[in-house]
Amino acid sequence: MRALLVLLLPLAALVALAAPSAPAAQERANVVLIMTDDQTLADMAALPQTQRLLGAGGATFNRAYVSYPLCCPSRATALTGQYAHNHGVRSTTPPSGGVEALDAERALPVWLRDAGYETIHVGKYLNGYGLRRRPTVPPGWTDWHGLVDKSTYLMWGYSIHENGSTRTYGDPHVEDSALYQTDVLAGLAVDAIEAHAGEDPFYLSFAPVAPHGELALPGRTTQPYIRPAPRHRGRFATLPLTDPAYDEPDTSDKPAYVRKLRRLGPRGHARIVRDFRARREALLAVDDAVAAVVAALRRTGELDETYVLFTSDNGFFQGEHRIPKGKYLAYEPSSHVPLLVRGPGIAPGAVSDQLVANTDLAPTILAATGAEADGPLDGRSLLPFARDPALRSARAVLHEGLVGGSTDRDAGSARAAGGAGVYDAVRTDRFLDVHWRGGGRELYDRVLDPAELQSVHADPRYAGVRRRLDAALRRLRHCSGAACLAPVRAGAPRLRR
């Protein structure tokens, strides 16, 4: 029917391109956004069907980043097209974050509903949904199937609030193949496509939880990080974990939080590898779910008129820079995510090296649907870049880490940040420049050091680069709307052969 958009980052571009709030009136496509949880870019190796159907069948963005690598702020950015300093969701729990911190009346589903779209959600919503207050259908959604916290993080025994009533699926201690969470969510997504095909255009937000870790189960002496679907268990039992930043030997150039971390050791290494393999195996069910969604679109005649976007809310550490697990920081494993976009006008197999961000997701969806936001957007539509992979702009990406300091009142969010502290950073095609509250700086030249093993913040050859990035960060940390899209040209260091 109309075009399904697998939602990703908002990209509309250079200042020469349309303003981020301007709709593409000629489009009234369906859109499907598939967002996994804690999936790294490298984890795409476990998703061959997704790569074939969406990547080879559309566009792959090699340089896609999340602005705030933490679940709730990142998902709020996808819903609003704004950086966290504008949408106000700064953490995972109150008072600075969680589902209560989002102004849900001023977000994507409301804008789409007002434009005549059916709006469907299946899976994870924002952290704390249904935990502190009874679950209800959030504003703007016309067909709702939201996982209820904390059961969200159980592959069996989870609860889903479905259009006004809550149902629990299975028992956490009984691994019933028919009730595996990812498969059940996939079935609900397929049912929604079949129910809404041929009617008004629709937007489907499909948010499986894998490969996020599960809650600890009472009474178990050994606890898997996440339980894969029974049919996939053991598939990656011998898969090695290889990353050049793994258990980094010299962290003297890193901030205090990283410098204090010890080498991982045999026990730590064994746990990380075990969890790494379980995460990859859990993603195999997501791969099946993506294939089922695409098949349903094809079966109902909607595929050619639908944009499908695939991405993750953030990445995840698995021993890189000695960090055994977690996210929040701006380093590659935490902030670099997959982004695939298939849809009308996008040539199969297109590959873009344009730097994009999750601030671009909502603008992309608005451009595909003709809907309008009710305020400024900090991102831009991805569609021009997906349709013309050679298109480039010099827009930078702002990273924010706004919890974790000793004065933060939100203890839960401080734990989520792992005690790392508060920072902001600017990312360009070549550089990552991180500034820490209270002092401390990191600067990585990713052309020469893609694994971010050696900060060059004290190297005098980068003095000019530092000055230009300082100016860019001063502007970006408080930017709003079009001001967030201005080009940043950091130049190059004065290196001698």
Protein backbone atom coordinates (compact mmCIF):
# COMPACT_ATOMS: atom_id res chain seq x y z
CA MET A 1 0.00 0.00 0.00
CA ARG A 2 2.07 2.90 1.15
CA ALA A 3 5.74 2.87 2.01
CA LEU A 4 7.05 1.22 5.12
CA LEU A 5 9.91 3.03 6.66
CA VAL A 6 12.27 1.13 8.89
CA LEU A 7 13.01 4.06 11.02
CA LEU A 8 16.44 5.16 11.69
CA LEU A 9 18.24 8.45 11.91
CA PRO A 10 16.82 11.76 10.68
CA LEU A 11 19.00 12.98 7.87
CA ALA A 12 17.89 15.82 5.67
CA ALA A 13 20.88 17.67 5.30
CA LEU A 14 23.14 20.23 4.32
CA VAL A 15 21.69 23.59 5.01
CA ALA A 16 20.93 23.51 1.31
CA LEU A 17 18.47 20.69 1.89
CA ALA A 18 14.99 21.23 3.24
CA ALA A 19 14.60 22.36 6.82
CA PRO A 20 14.15 19.37 9.15
CA SER A 21 10.56 20.25 9.99
CA ALA A 22 9.47 20.63 6.36
CA PRO A 23 7.47 17.58 5.20
CA ALA A 24 7.88 15.89 1.85
CA ALA A 25 4.27 16.41 0.84
CA GLN A 26 4.48 14.01 -2.10
CA GLU A 27 5.05 11.02 0.22
CA ARG A 28 2.42 9.15 2.21
CA ALA A 29 4.30 5.93 2.72
CA ASN A 30 3.94 3.33 5.40
CA VAL A 31 6.89 3.26 7.79
CA VAL A 32 8.26 0.42 9.89
CA LEU A 33 10.93 1.17 12.48
CA ILE A 34 12.67 -1.87 13.98
CA MET A 35 14.80 -0.99 16.99
CA THR A 36 16.75 -3.60 18.94
CA ASP A 37 18.18 -3.05 22.42
CA ASP A 38 21.93 -2.83 23.20
CA GLN A 39 22.93 -4.19 19.79
CA THR A 40 26.38 -3.30 18.49
CA LEU A 41 27.28 -2.72 14.87
CA ALA A 42 29.42 -5.88 14.95
CA ASP A 43 26.37 -7.87 16.08
CA MET A 44 24.96 -7.53 12.54
CA ALA A 45 27.00 -10.65 11.81
CA ALA A 46 24.19 -12.60 13.52
CA LEU A 47 21.52 -11.11 11.22
CA PRO A 48 22.12 -12.41 7.68
CA GLN A 49 18.44 -12.23 6.64
CA THR A 50 18.20 -8.65 7.85
CA GLN A 51 21.34 -7.73 5.91
CA ARG A 52 19.96 -9.35 2.77
CA LEU A 53 16.41 -8.00 2.96
CA LEU A 54 17.09 -4.48 4.23
CA GLY A 55 20.77 -3.80 3.56
CA ALA A 56 21.19 -5.50 0.16
CA GLY A 57 17.55 -4.57 -0.51
CA GLY A 58 18.07 -0.91 0.40
CA ALA A 59 20.70 1.37 1.92
CA THR A 60 23.32 0.72 4.60
CA PHE A 61 24.64 3.64 6.64
CA ASN A 62 28.16 2.79 7.77
CA ARG A 63 28.51 5.78 10.12
CA ALA A 64 25.34 5.80 12.22
CA TYR A 65 25.64 6.90 15.86
CA VAL A 66 23.35 7.49 18.81
CA SER A 67 23.73 10.85 20.48
CA TYR A 68 23.18 9.59 24.03
CA PRO A 69 24.17 5.90 24.39
CA LEU A 70 21.62 4.94 27.04
CA CYS A 71 18.24 3.26 26.47
CA CYS A 72 15.69 5.84 27.60
CA PRO A 73 17.35 9.06 26.37
CA SER A 74 18.12 7.39 23.04
CA ARG A 75 14.56 6.15 22.52
CA ALA A 76 13.23 9.59 23.48
CA THR A 77 15.46 11.07 20.78
CA ALA A 78 13.97 8.67 18.23
CA LEU A 79 10.47 9.79 19.27
CA THR A 80 11.21 13.51 19.15
CA GLY A 81 14.09 14.15 16.75
CA GLN A 82 15.80 16.13 19.50
CA TYR A 83 18.96 15.88 21.55
CA ALA A 84 18.49 15.02 25.23
CA HIS A 85 19.23 18.59 26.33
CA ASN A 86 16.05 19.58 24.43
CA HIS A 87 13.63 16.69 25.07
CA GLY A 88 14.64 16.50 28.75
CA VAL A 89 14.98 12.71 29.16
CA ARG A 90 18.45 12.45 30.65
CA SER A 91 18.45 9.03 32.30
CA THR A 92 16.51 5.80 32.81
CA THR A 93 14.70 6.61 36.07
CA PRO A 94 13.02 9.60 37.75
CA PRO A 95 13.49 12.40 38.40
CA SER A 96 15.72 13.01 35.40
CA GLY A 97 14.45 10.23 33.17
CA GLY A 98 12.23 7.25 32.56
CA VAL A 99 8.88 7.23 30.79
CA GLU A 100 7.50 10.01 33.00
CA ALA A 101 10.16 12.49 31.83
CA LEU A 102 9.01 12.53 28.18
CA ASP A 103 6.35 15.00 27.02
CA ALA A 104 4.54 12.32 25.03
CA GLU A 105 2.00 14.80 23.67
CA ARG A 106 4.79 16.33 21.57
CA ALA A 107 6.23 13.28 19.89
CA LEU A 108 6.18 11.31 16.66
CA PRO A 109 3.05 9.15 17.18
CA VAL A 110 0.93 12.23 17.88
CA TRP A 111 2.23 13.97 14.77
CA LEU A 112 1.55 10.89 12.65
CA ARG A 113 -1.93 10.32 14.09
CA ASP A 114 -2.80 13.95 13.37
CA ALA A 115 -1.70 13.37 9.77
CA GLY A 116 -4.15 10.47 9.40
CA TYR A 117 -1.82 7.56 10.14
CA GLU A 118 -2.56 4.41 12.07
CA THR A 119 0.19 4.19 14.69
CA ILE A 120 1.21 0.80 16.04
CA HIS A 121 3.72 -0.12 18.72
CA VAL A 122 4.91 -3.63 19.56
CA GLY A 123 7.59 -4.31 22.17
CA LYS A 124 9.74 -2.21 24.47
CA TYR A 125 8.77 1.42 25.12
CA LEU A 126 10.60 3.78 27.50
CA ASN A 127 12.16 2.55 30.74
CA GLY A 128 9.71 2.26 33.62
CA TYR A 129 6.57 1.86 31.50
CA GLY A 130 3.93 0.33 33.79
CA LEU A 131 6.36 0.09 36.72
CA ARG A 132 5.49 3.10 38.90
CA ARG A 133 2.06 3.74 37.41
CA ARG A 134 -0.55 1.42 35.94
CA PRO A 135 0.14 0.95 32.23
CA THR A 136 -2.00 2.93 29.79
CA VAL A 137 -1.80 3.59 26.06
CA PRO A 138 0.52 6.60 25.57
CA PRO A 139 -0.67 9.58 23.50
CA GLY A 140 -0.85 9.16 19.75
CA TRP A 141 -0.86 5.36 19.50
CA THR A 142 -3.91 3.74 17.88
CA ASP A 143 -2.82 0.08 18.28
CA TRP A 144 -0.66 -0.61 21.35
CA HIS A 145 1.24 -3.72 22.52
CA GLY A 146 3.79 -2.46 25.04
CA LEU A 147 6.00 -4.59 27.28
CA VAL A 148 5.47 -3.80 30.97
CA ASP A 149 8.54 -3.21 33.14
CA LYS A 150 10.32 -4.95 34.74
CA SER A 151 9.04 -8.00 32.93
CA THR A 152 10.29 -6.37 29.74
CA TYR A 153 13.63 -8.04 30.50
CA LEU A 154 12.35 -11.61 30.68
CA MET A 155 12.23 -13.88 27.66
CA TRP A 156 9.50 -15.91 29.41
CA GLY A 157 7.04 -14.59 32.01
CA TYR A 158 6.76 -11.09 30.50
CA SER A 159 3.62 -8.95 30.45
CA ILE A 160 2.24 -6.94 27.51
CA HIS A 161 -0.31 -4.13 27.85
CA GLU A 162 -2.50 -4.53 24.78
CA ASN A 163 -4.97 -1.74 24.01
CA GLY A 164 -6.25 -1.42 27.57
CA SER A 165 -5.65 -4.84 29.10
CA THR A 166 -2.52 -6.60 30.33
CA ARG A 167 -1.63 -10.21 29.59
CA THR A 168 1.26 -12.26 30.97
CA TYR A 169 2.94 -14.78 28.69
CA GLY A 170 4.37 -17.86 30.34
CA ASP A 171 6.54 -18.39 33.40
CA PRO A 172 10.14 -17.17 33.80
CA HIS A 173 11.23 -20.67 34.85
CA VAL A 174 9.43 -22.57 32.06
CA GLU A 175 11.10 -22.24 28.68
CA ASP A 176 8.09 -22.84 26.42
CA SER A 177 9.21 -22.49 22.80
CA ALA A 178 5.81 -21.17 21.77
CA LEU A 179 6.06 -18.23 24.18
CA TYR A 180 9.59 -17.01 23.54
CA GLN A 181 9.33 -13.23 23.78
CA THR A 182 10.93 -12.24 20.47
CA ASP A 183 8.76 -14.71 18.55
CA VAL A 184 5.55 -13.56 20.25
CA LEU A 185 6.37 -9.91 19.49
CA ALA A 186 7.09 -10.85 15.88
CA GLY A 187 3.68 -12.49 15.65
CA LEU A 188 1.99 -9.37 17.01
CA ALA A 189 3.85 -7.21 14.48
CA VAL A 190 2.82 -9.46 11.60
CA ASP A 191 -0.80 -9.48 12.83
CA ALA A 192 -0.75 -5.67 12.94
CA ILE A 193 0.53 -5.41 9.36
CA GLU A 194 -2.15 -7.79 8.13
CA ALA A 195 -4.86 -5.93 10.07
CA HIS A 196 -3.88 -2.47 8.80
CA ALA A 197 -2.88 -3.25 5.22
CA GLY A 198 -5.08 -1.62 2.61
CA GLU A 199 -6.55 0.90 5.02
CA ASP A 200 -5.06 4.22 6.12
CA PRO A 201 -1.28 4.47 5.92
CA PHE A 202 0.42 3.06 9.00
CA TYR A 203 3.51 3.49 11.13
CA LEU A 204 4.75 0.41 12.98
CA SER A 205 7.28 0.68 15.79
CA PHE A 206 8.63 -2.82 16.43
CA ALA A 207 11.02 -2.99 19.39
CA PRO A 208 12.33 -6.45 20.35
CA VAL A 209 14.39 -6.53 23.55
CA ALA A 210 17.25 -8.74 22.36
CA PRO A 211 20.13 -8.73 22.87
CA HIS A 212 19.59 -6.83 26.17
CA GLY A 213 20.27 -8.90 29.28
CA GLU A 214 17.52 -10.55 31.30
CA LEU A 215 16.55 -10.03 34.91
CA ALA A 216 18.14 -12.38 37.40
CA LEU A 217 15.85 -15.31 38.19
CA PRO A 218 15.41 -16.20 41.88
CA GLY A 219 16.78 -19.57 42.86
CA ARG A 220 19.22 -19.97 39.99
CA THR A 221 22.85 -20.53 40.91
CA THR A 222 24.06 -19.69 37.42
CA GLN A 223 22.39 -16.93 35.45
CA PRO A 224 22.71 -16.60 31.67
CA TYR A 225 23.01 -13.07 30.36
CA ILE A 226 20.08 -13.65 28.02
CA ARG A 227 18.37 -16.87 26.99
CA PRO A 228 18.27 -17.43 23.21
CA ALA A 229 15.30 -19.14 21.60
CA PRO A 230 15.62 -22.90 22.23
CA ARG A 231 16.06 -23.54 18.49
CA HIS A 232 19.14 -21.29 18.44
CA ARG A 233 20.85 -22.34 21.65
CA GLY A 234 24.47 -23.31 21.11
CA ARG A 235 24.64 -21.92 17.57
CA PHE A 236 27.62 -19.72 18.48
CA ALA A 237 29.12 -21.94 21.19
CA THR A 238 32.66 -21.54 19.83
CA LEU A 239 32.47 -18.01 18.40
CA PRO A 240 35.55 -15.98 19.40
CA LEU A 241 35.33 -12.39 20.63
CA THR A 242 37.89 -10.25 18.81
CA ASP A 243 38.24 -6.48 19.06
CA PRO A 244 41.45 -4.44 18.99
CA ALA A 245 40.29 -2.42 22.01
CA TYR A 246 39.51 -5.53 24.10
CA ASP A 247 41.20 -5.42 27.53
CA GLU A 248 43.22 -2.38 26.46
CA PRO A 249 46.74 -2.77 27.94
CA ASP A 250 47.51 0.94 28.44
CA THR A 251 44.72 3.25 29.61
CA SER A 252 46.91 6.10 30.85
CA ASP A 253 45.41 8.43 28.23
CA LYS A 254 41.85 7.69 29.36
CA PRO A 255 39.68 9.51 31.94
CA ALA A 256 39.87 8.56 35.61
CA TYR A 257 36.87 6.23 35.36
CA VAL A 258 38.64 4.03 32.79
CA ARG A 259 42.13 4.34 34.28
CA LYS A 260 40.94 2.77 37.52
CA LEU A 261 39.61 -0.37 35.78
CA ARG A 262 41.76 -3.47 36.16
CA ARG A 263 42.70 -5.89 33.39
CA LEU A 264 39.89 -8.38 32.85
CA GLY A 265 41.63 -11.59 33.87
CA PRO A 266 40.62 -15.21 33.04
CA ARG A 267 37.34 -15.22 35.00
CA GLY A 268 36.23 -11.88 33.62
CA HIS A 269 37.16 -12.95 30.11
CA ALA A 270 35.20 -16.21 30.41
CA ARG A 271 32.07 -14.37 31.56
CA ILE A 272 32.30 -11.80 28.77
CA VAL A 273 32.74 -14.46 26.08
CA ARG A 274 29.81 -16.48 27.46
CA ASP A 275 27.55 -13.42 27.43
CA PHE A 276 28.80 -12.38 23.98
CA ARG A 277 27.78 -15.74 22.54
CA ALA A 278 24.37 -15.67 24.24
CA ARG A 279 23.71 -12.17 22.88
CA ARG A 280 24.51 -13.27 19.34
CA GLU A 281 22.30 -16.34 19.66
CA ALA A 282 19.41 -14.23 20.97
CA LEU A 283 19.66 -12.05 17.87
CA LEU A 284 18.94 -15.01 15.60
CA ALA A 285 15.27 -14.79 16.63
CA VAL A 286 15.33 -11.06 15.78
CA ASP A 287 16.64 -11.99 12.34
CA ASP A 288 13.70 -14.37 11.91
CA ALA A 289 11.35 -11.60 13.09
CA VAL A 290 12.66 -9.14 10.49
CA ALA A 291 12.16 -11.76 7.78
CA ALA A 292 8.59 -12.36 9.01
CA VAL A 293 7.81 -8.62 8.94
CA VAL A 294 9.16 -8.23 5.41
CA ALA A 295 7.25 -11.34 4.29
CA ALA A 296 4.02 -9.92 5.75
CA LEU A 297 4.55 -6.65 3.88
CA ARG A 298 5.16 -8.55 0.66
CA ARG A 299 2.17 -10.85 1.21
CA THR A 300 -0.20 -7.91 1.80
CA GLY A 301 1.12 -5.97 -1.20
CA GLU A 302 2.63 -3.21 0.97
CA LEU A 303 6.36 -3.84 0.65
CA ASP A 304 7.05 -1.65 -2.38
CA GLU A 305 5.33 1.29 -0.73
CA THR A 306 6.86 0.93 2.71
CA TYR A 307 10.05 2.28 4.26
CA VAL A 308 11.63 -0.18 6.66
CA LEU A 309 14.37 1.03 9.02
CA PHE A 310 16.49 -1.15 11.25
CA THR A 311 18.67 0.18 14.07
CA SER A 312 19.50 -0.14 17.78
CA ASP A 313 18.99 2.24 20.69
CA ASN A 314 22.70 2.02 21.58
CA GLY A 315 25.64 -0.34 21.47
CA PHE A 316 27.27 -2.27 24.30
CA PHE A 317 30.69 -2.81 25.85
CA GLN A 318 32.07 -6.33 25.97
CA GLY A 319 35.55 -5.81 27.39
CA GLU A 320 36.69 -2.97 25.15
CA HIS A 321 38.90 -0.47 27.02
CA ARG A 322 38.63 -2.90 30.01
CA ILE A 323 34.89 -2.08 30.38
CA PRO A 324 33.26 -5.49 31.03
CA LYS A 325 29.71 -4.43 30.09
CA GLY A 326 27.44 -1.40 29.80
CA LYS A 327 27.05 1.58 27.46
CA TYR A 328 26.69 5.38 28.12
CA LEU A 329 30.15 6.39 26.89
CA ALA A 330 30.89 7.84 23.45
CA TYR A 331 33.40 5.14 22.45
CA GLU A 332 32.65 3.12 19.31
CA PRO A 333 31.24 -0.06 20.92
CA SER A 334 28.67 2.02 22.83
CA SER A 335 27.60 4.67 20.30
CA HIS A 336 28.09 3.16 16.82
CA VAL A 337 24.94 1.30 15.74
CA PRO A 338 23.60 -0.44 12.64
CA LEU A 339 21.30 1.50 10.33
CA LEU A 340 19.60 -0.04 7.31
CA VAL A 341 16.85 1.67 5.29
CA ARG A 342 14.74 0.08 2.57
CA GLY A 343 11.95 1.82 0.69
CA PRO A 344 10.68 3.68 -2.38
CA GLY A 345 13.38 5.36 -4.42
CA ILE A 346 16.26 3.66 -2.58
CA ALA A 347 18.43 1.54 -4.87
CA PRO A 348 19.24 -1.97 -3.59
CA GLY A 349 22.73 -2.27 -2.19
CA ALA A 350 23.29 1.46 -1.65
CA VAL A 351 26.02 2.25 0.90
CA SER A 352 26.41 5.68 2.52
CA ASP A 353 29.44 6.86 4.50
CA GLN A 354 27.65 10.03 5.60
CA LEU A 355 27.80 10.64 9.35
CA VAL A 356 24.23 10.29 10.68
CA ALA A 357 22.57 10.08 14.10
CA ASN A 358 19.41 8.97 15.85
CA THR A 359 18.26 12.59 15.90
CA ASP A 360 17.57 11.91 12.22
CA LEU A 361 15.02 9.16 12.75
CA ALA A 362 11.93 11.25 13.43
CA PRO A 363 12.71 13.74 10.61
CA THR A 364 13.11 10.79 8.23
CA ILE A 365 9.72 9.41 9.17
CA LEU A 366 8.07 12.80 8.84
CA ALA A 367 9.60 13.23 5.38
CA ALA A 368 8.26 9.81 4.34
CA THR A 369 4.76 10.47 5.62
CA GLY A 370 4.12 14.18 5.04
CA ALA A 371 3.40 14.64 8.74
CA GLU A 372 4.65 17.72 10.59
CA ALA A 373 6.30 18.24 13.96
CA ASP A 374 4.94 20.87 16.34
CA GLY A 375 8.38 22.25 17.20
CA PRO A 376 12.02 22.32 16.12
CA LEU A 377 13.86 19.14 15.20
CA ASP A 378 17.59 18.76 15.78
CA GLY A 379 18.05 16.18 13.01
CA ARG A 380 17.27 15.87 9.32
CA SER A 381 15.81 13.33 6.94
CA LEU A 382 17.96 10.38 5.91
CA LEU A 383 16.09 9.88 2.65
CA PRO A 384 18.25 12.16 0.46
CA PHE A 385 21.37 10.31 1.62
CA ALA A 386 19.77 6.88 1.17
CA ARG A 387 18.70 7.76 -2.37
CA ASP A 388 22.04 9.35 -3.27
CA PRO A 389 24.83 7.60 -1.33
CA ALA A 390 27.41 10.03 -2.72
CA LEU A 391 25.71 12.98 -1.01
CA ARG A 392 27.78 14.49 1.81
CA SER A 393 27.55 17.19 4.44
CA ALA A 394 29.90 18.35 7.19
CA ARG A 395 27.33 18.23 9.98
CA ALA A 396 28.77 16.90 13.23
CA VAL A 397 27.05 14.76 15.89
CA LEU A 398 26.76 15.74 19.54
CA HIS A 399 27.20 13.04 22.19
CA GLU A 400 25.78 13.63 25.66
CA GLY A 401 26.25 11.77 28.94
CA LEU A 402 24.28 13.77 31.45
CA VAL A 403 24.15 11.52 34.53
CA GLY A 404 26.61 9.70 36.71
CA GLY A 405 28.24 12.56 38.57
CA SER A 406 28.62 12.54 42.34
CA THR A 407 26.05 15.34 42.67
CA ASP A 408 23.39 13.66 40.53
CA ARG A 409 20.20 13.09 42.54
CA ASP A 410 19.19 10.14 40.38
CA ALA A 411 20.97 7.19 41.98
CA GLY A 412 19.50 4.68 39.53
CA SER A 413 20.78 6.61 36.57
CA ALA A 414 24.16 7.09 38.19
CA ARG A 415 24.40 3.30 38.40
CA ALA A 416 23.40 3.06 34.73
CA ALA A 417 26.29 5.37 33.89
CA GLY A 418 28.63 3.08 35.82
CA GLY A 419 30.12 5.94 37.79
CA ALA A 420 31.67 7.36 34.65
CA GLY A 421 30.62 10.96 35.24
CA VAL A 422 29.10 13.67 33.07
CA TYR A 423 30.48 14.49 29.63
CA ASP A 424 29.67 15.87 26.22
CA ALA A 425 31.47 15.28 22.95
CA VAL A 426 31.52 16.26 19.31
CA ARG A 427 32.00 13.69 16.54
CA THR A 428 33.01 14.51 12.98
CA ASP A 429 33.92 12.24 10.08
CA ARG A 430 37.44 12.01 11.49
CA PHE A 431 37.51 13.03 15.14
CA LEU A 432 35.87 12.23 18.48
CA ASP A 433 36.47 14.98 21.06
CA VAL A 434 35.19 14.28 24.59
CA HIS A 435 35.02 16.83 27.43
CA TRP A 436 34.41 15.66 31.01
CA ARG A 437 32.70 17.77 33.65
CA GLY A 438 35.24 18.72 36.29
CA GLY A 439 38.14 18.40 33.88
CA GLY A 440 39.52 15.79 31.56
CA ARG A 441 39.54 15.44 27.80
CA GLU A 442 39.94 12.80 25.14
CA LEU A 443 40.59 13.37 21.43
CA TYR A 444 40.77 10.50 18.96
CA ASP A 445 41.87 10.68 15.35
CA ARG A 446 39.81 7.81 14.00
CA VAL A 447 41.53 7.82 10.63
CA LEU A 448 44.80 6.86 12.33
CA ASP A 449 43.30 5.16 15.40
CA PRO A 450 39.90 3.61 14.63
CA ALA A 451 39.93 1.56 17.86
CA GLU A 452 40.38 4.74 19.99
CA LEU A 453 43.43 3.38 21.77
CA GLN A 454 45.49 6.57 21.98
CA SER A 455 44.07 9.98 22.83
CA VAL A 456 45.91 12.84 21.13
CA HIS A 457 44.39 15.60 23.27
CA ALA A 458 47.85 16.64 24.48
CA ASP A 459 49.59 16.38 21.11
CA PRO A 460 50.61 19.90 19.96
CA ARG A 461 50.15 18.89 16.33
CA TYR A 462 46.39 18.80 16.98
CA ALA A 463 46.18 22.29 18.51
CA GLY A 464 44.25 23.73 15.57
CA VAL A 465 41.88 20.77 15.49
CA ARG A 466 41.21 21.20 19.22
CA ARG A 467 40.36 24.89 18.85
CA ARG A 468 37.88 24.26 16.05
CA LEU A 469 36.26 21.35 17.88
CA ASP A 470 36.03 23.42 21.08
CA ALA A 471 34.06 26.06 19.19
CA ALA A 472 31.79 23.44 17.65
CA LEU A 473 31.05 21.81 21.01
CA ARG A 474 30.24 25.15 22.64
CA ARG A 475 27.59 25.68 19.96
CA LEU A 476 26.21 22.15 19.88
CA ARG A 477 25.81 21.54 23.62
CA HIS A 478 22.92 24.06 23.68
CA CYS A 479 21.77 23.94 20.04
CA SER A 480 18.18 23.59 18.88
CA GLY A 481 16.66 23.01 15.45
CA ALA A 482 18.59 24.26 12.43
CA ALA A 483 21.50 25.41 14.61
CA CYS A 484 22.31 21.73 15.22
CA LEU A 485 22.83 21.18 11.47
CA ALA A 486 25.53 23.78 10.80
CA PRO A 487 28.69 22.31 9.26
CA VAL A 488 31.78 21.62 11.38
CA ARG A 489 35.17 21.59 9.68
CA ALA A 490 37.84 20.50 12.12
CA GLY A 491 40.66 20.51 9.61
CA ALA A 492 43.61 18.13 9.92
CA PRO A 493 46.61 17.83 12.23
CA ARG A 494 50.03 19.05 11.17
CA LEU A 495 51.67 15.68 10.90
CA ARG A 496 55.10 15.21 9.40
CA ARG A 497 56.27 12.14 7.60
